[in-house]
Amino acid sequence: MPWLTTEGASREIGEGETVVGSGEQADWRLEAGDLAVRHFVVRRAGGVTTVRPCGVDDVIALNGTQAGAHPVELHDGDTIDAGSARFLYSAERSGAYPAVAVGPAHLMDSRAGIAYLLEGATVGIGRDRLNAVVVRDPT
């Protein structure tokens, strides 16, 4: 049986859909991690497990790359970044909960639906087009 693990919590992924989020409508409710009420869906059907954001405003990154609206198949060792939480997908549960490695950081723009990868010691943020993260605000 596949498992999702995050800092301090693990959950077995059963057949069907598991909604992960911070609200009462989520199947796996986690109040920490800055998750949306219904942030993402993990779906298991037979031997295939997929992940997708719940809505257009919910941003997730799979192995450091922003995931789109369509389901993406998960493989053993994949990581899912959502809010400030990182989840590790395991195809089978081992005797102990695996450690969730800290990886690259992302700046999430939930309105635009974009995850900016923060690489290196310095990342430019501002109105200038040469910045890695361009802020579209005249003030």
C-alpha atoms as a PDB file:
ATOM      1  CA  MET A   1       0.000   0.000   0.000  1.00  0.00           C
ATOM      2  CA  PRO A   2       1.339   3.465  -0.844  1.00  0.00           C
ATOM      3  CA  TRP A   3       1.941   6.132   1.833  1.00  0.00           C
ATOM      4  CA  LEU A   4       2.325   9.912   2.033  1.00  0.00           C
ATOM      5  CA  THR A   5       4.575  11.293   4.756  1.00  0.00           C
ATOM      6  CA  THR A   6       5.116  14.844   5.903  1.00  0.00           C
ATOM      7  CA  GLU A   7       6.816  16.248   8.962  1.00  0.00           C
ATOM      8  CA  GLY A   8       5.220  14.491  11.925  1.00  0.00           C
ATOM      9  CA  ALA A   9       2.446  12.680  10.017  1.00  0.00           C
ATOM     10  CA  SER A  10       1.925   9.771   7.614  1.00  0.00           C
ATOM     11  CA  ARG A  11      -1.136   8.408   5.889  1.00  0.00           C
ATOM     12  CA  GLU A  12      -1.831   5.262   3.923  1.00  0.00           C
ATOM     13  CA  ILE A  13      -3.360   5.976   0.500  1.00  0.00           C
ATOM     14  CA  GLY A  14      -6.366   3.729  -0.072  1.00  0.00           C
ATOM     15  CA  GLU A  15      -8.328   3.134  -3.267  1.00  0.00           C
ATOM     16  CA  GLY A  16     -10.139   6.208  -4.586  1.00  0.00           C
ATOM     17  CA  GLU A  17      -9.424   9.858  -3.829  1.00  0.00           C
ATOM     18  CA  THR A  18      -7.756  11.344  -0.761  1.00  0.00           C
ATOM     19  CA  VAL A  19      -8.099  15.120  -0.479  1.00  0.00           C
ATOM     20  CA  VAL A  20      -5.265  16.786   1.470  1.00  0.00           C
ATOM     21  CA  GLY A  21      -5.823  20.220   2.973  1.00  0.00           C
ATOM     22  CA  SER A  22      -6.451  22.293   6.084  1.00  0.00           C
ATOM     23  CA  GLY A  23     -10.256  22.367   6.054  1.00  0.00           C
ATOM     24  CA  GLU A  24     -13.003  20.112   7.301  1.00  0.00           C
ATOM     25  CA  GLN A  25     -13.722  18.969   3.719  1.00  0.00           C
ATOM     26  CA  ALA A  26     -10.245  17.380   3.456  1.00  0.00           C
ATOM     27  CA  ASP A  27      -9.878  13.629   4.004  1.00  0.00           C
ATOM     28  CA  TRP A  28      -6.416  14.224   5.492  1.00  0.00           C
ATOM     29  CA  ARG A  29      -6.619  17.462   7.453  1.00  0.00           C
ATOM     30  CA  LEU A  30      -3.340  19.166   8.330  1.00  0.00           C
ATOM     31  CA  GLU A  31      -3.553  22.556   9.988  1.00  0.00           C
ATOM     32  CA  ALA A  32       0.202  23.214   9.715  1.00  0.00           C
ATOM     33  CA  GLY A  33       1.923  23.849   6.401  1.00  0.00           C
ATOM     34  CA  ASP A  34      -0.152  26.752   5.030  1.00  0.00           C
ATOM     35  CA  LEU A  35      -2.356  24.408   3.023  1.00  0.00           C
ATOM     36  CA  ALA A  36      -5.554  25.520   1.336  1.00  0.00           C
ATOM     37  CA  VAL A  37      -8.834  24.105   2.639  1.00  0.00           C
ATOM     38  CA  ARG A  38      -8.703  21.481  -0.154  1.00  0.00           C
ATOM     39  CA  HIS A  39      -5.160  21.758  -1.542  1.00  0.00           C
ATOM     40  CA  PHE A  40      -4.489  18.609  -3.579  1.00  0.00           C
ATOM     41  CA  VAL A  41      -5.947  15.204  -4.440  1.00  0.00           C
ATOM     42  CA  VAL A  42      -4.105  11.894  -4.412  1.00  0.00           C
ATOM     43  CA  ARG A  43      -5.996   9.208  -6.348  1.00  0.00           C
ATOM     44  CA  ARG A  44      -5.247   5.521  -6.295  1.00  0.00           C
ATOM     45  CA  ALA A  45      -6.862   3.256  -8.859  1.00  0.00           C
ATOM     46  CA  GLY A  46      -5.471  -0.258  -9.073  1.00  0.00           C
ATOM     47  CA  GLY A  47      -1.705  -0.008  -9.120  1.00  0.00           C
ATOM     48  CA  VAL A  48      -1.537   3.640 -10.241  1.00  0.00           C
ATOM     49  CA  THR A  49      -1.397   6.616  -7.874  1.00  0.00           C
ATOM     50  CA  THR A  50      -1.729  10.183  -9.185  1.00  0.00           C
ATOM     51  CA  VAL A  51      -1.711  13.700  -7.727  1.00  0.00           C
ATOM     52  CA  ARG A  52      -3.290  16.956  -8.897  1.00  0.00           C
ATOM     53  CA  PRO A  53      -4.181  20.322  -7.346  1.00  0.00           C
ATOM     54  CA  CYS A  54      -7.799  20.596  -6.132  1.00  0.00           C
ATOM     55  CA  GLY A  55      -8.447  23.849  -7.955  1.00  0.00           C
ATOM     56  CA  VAL A  56      -6.889  26.464 -10.204  1.00  0.00           C
ATOM     57  CA  ASP A  57      -5.775  28.540  -7.195  1.00  0.00           C
ATOM     58  CA  ASP A  58      -3.986  25.605  -5.528  1.00  0.00           C
ATOM     59  CA  VAL A  59      -0.316  25.337  -6.462  1.00  0.00           C
ATOM     60  CA  ILE A  60       1.739  22.189  -5.974  1.00  0.00           C
ATOM     61  CA  ALA A  61       5.189  21.179  -7.161  1.00  0.00           C
ATOM     62  CA  LEU A  62       6.135  17.576  -7.915  1.00  0.00           C
ATOM     63  CA  ASN A  63       9.865  16.911  -7.501  1.00  0.00           C
ATOM     64  CA  GLY A  64      10.510  20.657  -7.745  1.00  0.00           C
ATOM     65  CA  THR A  65       8.461  21.236 -10.917  1.00  0.00           C
ATOM     66  CA  GLN A  66       5.070  22.915 -10.808  1.00  0.00           C
ATOM     67  CA  ALA A  67       2.247  20.484 -11.544  1.00  0.00           C
ATOM     68  CA  GLY A  68      -0.613  21.498 -13.805  1.00  0.00           C
ATOM     69  CA  ALA A  69      -4.322  20.801 -13.444  1.00  0.00           C
ATOM     70  CA  HIS A  70      -4.118  17.270 -14.883  1.00  0.00           C
ATOM     71  CA  PRO A  71      -3.235  14.252 -12.699  1.00  0.00           C
ATOM     72  CA  VAL A  72       0.429  13.220 -12.677  1.00  0.00           C
ATOM     73  CA  GLU A  73       1.485   9.676 -11.794  1.00  0.00           C
ATOM     74  CA  LEU A  74       3.472   9.311  -8.568  1.00  0.00           C
ATOM     75  CA  HIS A  75       6.532   7.071  -8.238  1.00  0.00           C
ATOM     76  CA  ASP A  76       8.357   5.816  -5.157  1.00  0.00           C
ATOM     77  CA  GLY A  77      10.437   8.642  -3.644  1.00  0.00           C
ATOM     78  CA  ASP A  78       8.558  11.525  -5.325  1.00  0.00           C
ATOM     79  CA  THR A  79       8.079  14.716  -3.321  1.00  0.00           C
ATOM     80  CA  ILE A  80       5.036  16.995  -3.358  1.00  0.00           C
ATOM     81  CA  ASP A  81       5.421  20.620  -2.209  1.00  0.00           C
ATOM     82  CA  ALA A  82       2.170  22.303  -1.168  1.00  0.00           C
ATOM     83  CA  GLY A  83       2.035  25.504   0.859  1.00  0.00           C
ATOM     84  CA  SER A  84       5.088  25.317   3.126  1.00  0.00           C
ATOM     85  CA  ALA A  85       4.741  21.530   3.529  1.00  0.00           C
ATOM     86  CA  ARG A  86       6.685  18.817   1.750  1.00  0.00           C
ATOM     87  CA  PHE A  87       5.248  15.320   1.316  1.00  0.00           C
ATOM     88  CA  LEU A  88       7.161  12.152   0.432  1.00  0.00           C
ATOM     89  CA  TYR A  89       5.384   9.448  -1.564  1.00  0.00           C
ATOM     90  CA  SER A  90       6.354   5.837  -0.793  1.00  0.00           C
ATOM     91  CA  ALA A  91       5.074   2.955  -2.900  1.00  0.00           C
ATOM     92  CA  GLU A  92       5.195   0.725   0.192  1.00  0.00           C
ATOM     93  CA  ARG A  93       5.594   1.454   3.877  1.00  0.00           C
ATOM     94  CA  SER A  94       8.883   0.447   5.420  1.00  0.00           C
ATOM     95  CA  GLY A  95       9.297  -0.348   9.127  1.00  0.00           C
ATOM     96  CA  ALA A  96       9.952   3.305  10.036  1.00  0.00           C
ATOM     97  CA  TYR A  97       8.597   6.539   8.688  1.00  0.00           C
ATOM     98  CA  PRO A  98      11.049   7.885   6.120  1.00  0.00           C
ATOM     99  CA  ALA A  99      12.664  11.249   6.735  1.00  0.00           C
ATOM    100  CA  VAL A 100      11.376  13.985   4.467  1.00  0.00           C
ATOM    101  CA  ALA A 101      14.369  15.715   2.944  1.00  0.00           C
ATOM    102  CA  VAL A 102      14.469  19.480   2.722  1.00  0.00           C
ATOM    103  CA  GLY A 103      14.880  20.466  -0.878  1.00  0.00           C
ATOM    104  CA  PRO A 104      14.613  23.563  -3.011  1.00  0.00           C
ATOM    105  CA  ALA A 105      12.365  26.363  -1.808  1.00  0.00           C
ATOM    106  CA  HIS A 106       9.515  27.819  -3.858  1.00  0.00           C
ATOM    107  CA  LEU A 107       7.727  31.149  -3.758  1.00  0.00           C
ATOM    108  CA  MET A 108       4.071  30.464  -4.503  1.00  0.00           C
ATOM    109  CA  ASP A 109       1.869  33.004  -6.298  1.00  0.00           C
ATOM    110  CA  SER A 110      -1.549  31.472  -5.668  1.00  0.00           C
ATOM    111  CA  ARG A 111      -3.430  34.142  -7.633  1.00  0.00           C
ATOM    112  CA  ALA A 112      -1.403  33.562 -10.793  1.00  0.00           C
ATOM    113  CA  GLY A 113      -1.019  29.824 -10.125  1.00  0.00           C
ATOM    114  CA  ILE A 114       2.777  29.949 -10.423  1.00  0.00           C
ATOM    115  CA  ALA A 115       5.506  28.351  -8.299  1.00  0.00           C
ATOM    116  CA  TYR A 116       8.850  30.182  -8.570  1.00  0.00           C
ATOM    117  CA  LEU A 117      11.894  28.050  -7.791  1.00  0.00           C
ATOM    118  CA  LEU A 118      14.237  29.922  -5.446  1.00  0.00           C
ATOM    119  CA  GLU A 119      17.748  28.907  -6.506  1.00  0.00           C
ATOM    120  CA  GLY A 120      21.098  30.179  -5.315  1.00  0.00           C
ATOM    121  CA  ALA A 121      21.950  32.645  -2.572  1.00  0.00           C
ATOM    122  CA  THR A 122      20.069  35.582  -4.107  1.00  0.00           C
ATOM    123  CA  VAL A 123      16.820  35.756  -6.056  1.00  0.00           C
ATOM    124  CA  GLY A 124      15.704  39.066  -7.566  1.00  0.00           C
ATOM    125  CA  ILE A 125      12.098  40.045  -6.802  1.00  0.00           C
ATOM    126  CA  GLY A 126      10.619  43.289  -8.103  1.00  0.00           C
ATOM    127  CA  ARG A 127       9.033  45.173 -10.995  1.00  0.00           C
ATOM    128  CA  ASP A 128      12.106  45.089 -13.250  1.00  0.00           C
ATOM    129  CA  ARG A 129      11.800  42.442 -16.010  1.00  0.00           C
ATOM    130  CA  LEU A 130      15.317  41.197 -15.212  1.00  0.00           C
ATOM    131  CA  ASN A 131      14.180  39.849 -11.824  1.00  0.00           C
ATOM    132  CA  ALA A 132      13.539  36.137 -11.418  1.00  0.00           C
ATOM    133  CA  VAL A 133      10.148  36.983  -9.882  1.00  0.00           C
ATOM    134  CA  VAL A 134       8.461  39.951 -11.573  1.00  0.00           C
ATOM    135  CA  VAL A 135       5.922  41.790  -9.424  1.00  0.00           C
ATOM    136  CA  ARG A 136       3.164  43.370 -11.492  1.00  0.00           C
ATOM    137  CA  ASP A 137       2.177  46.171  -9.117  1.00  0.00           C
ATOM    138  CA  PRO A 138       2.802  49.855  -9.822  1.00  0.00           C
ATOM    139  CA  THR A 139       3.253  50.685  -6.131  1.00  0.00           C
END
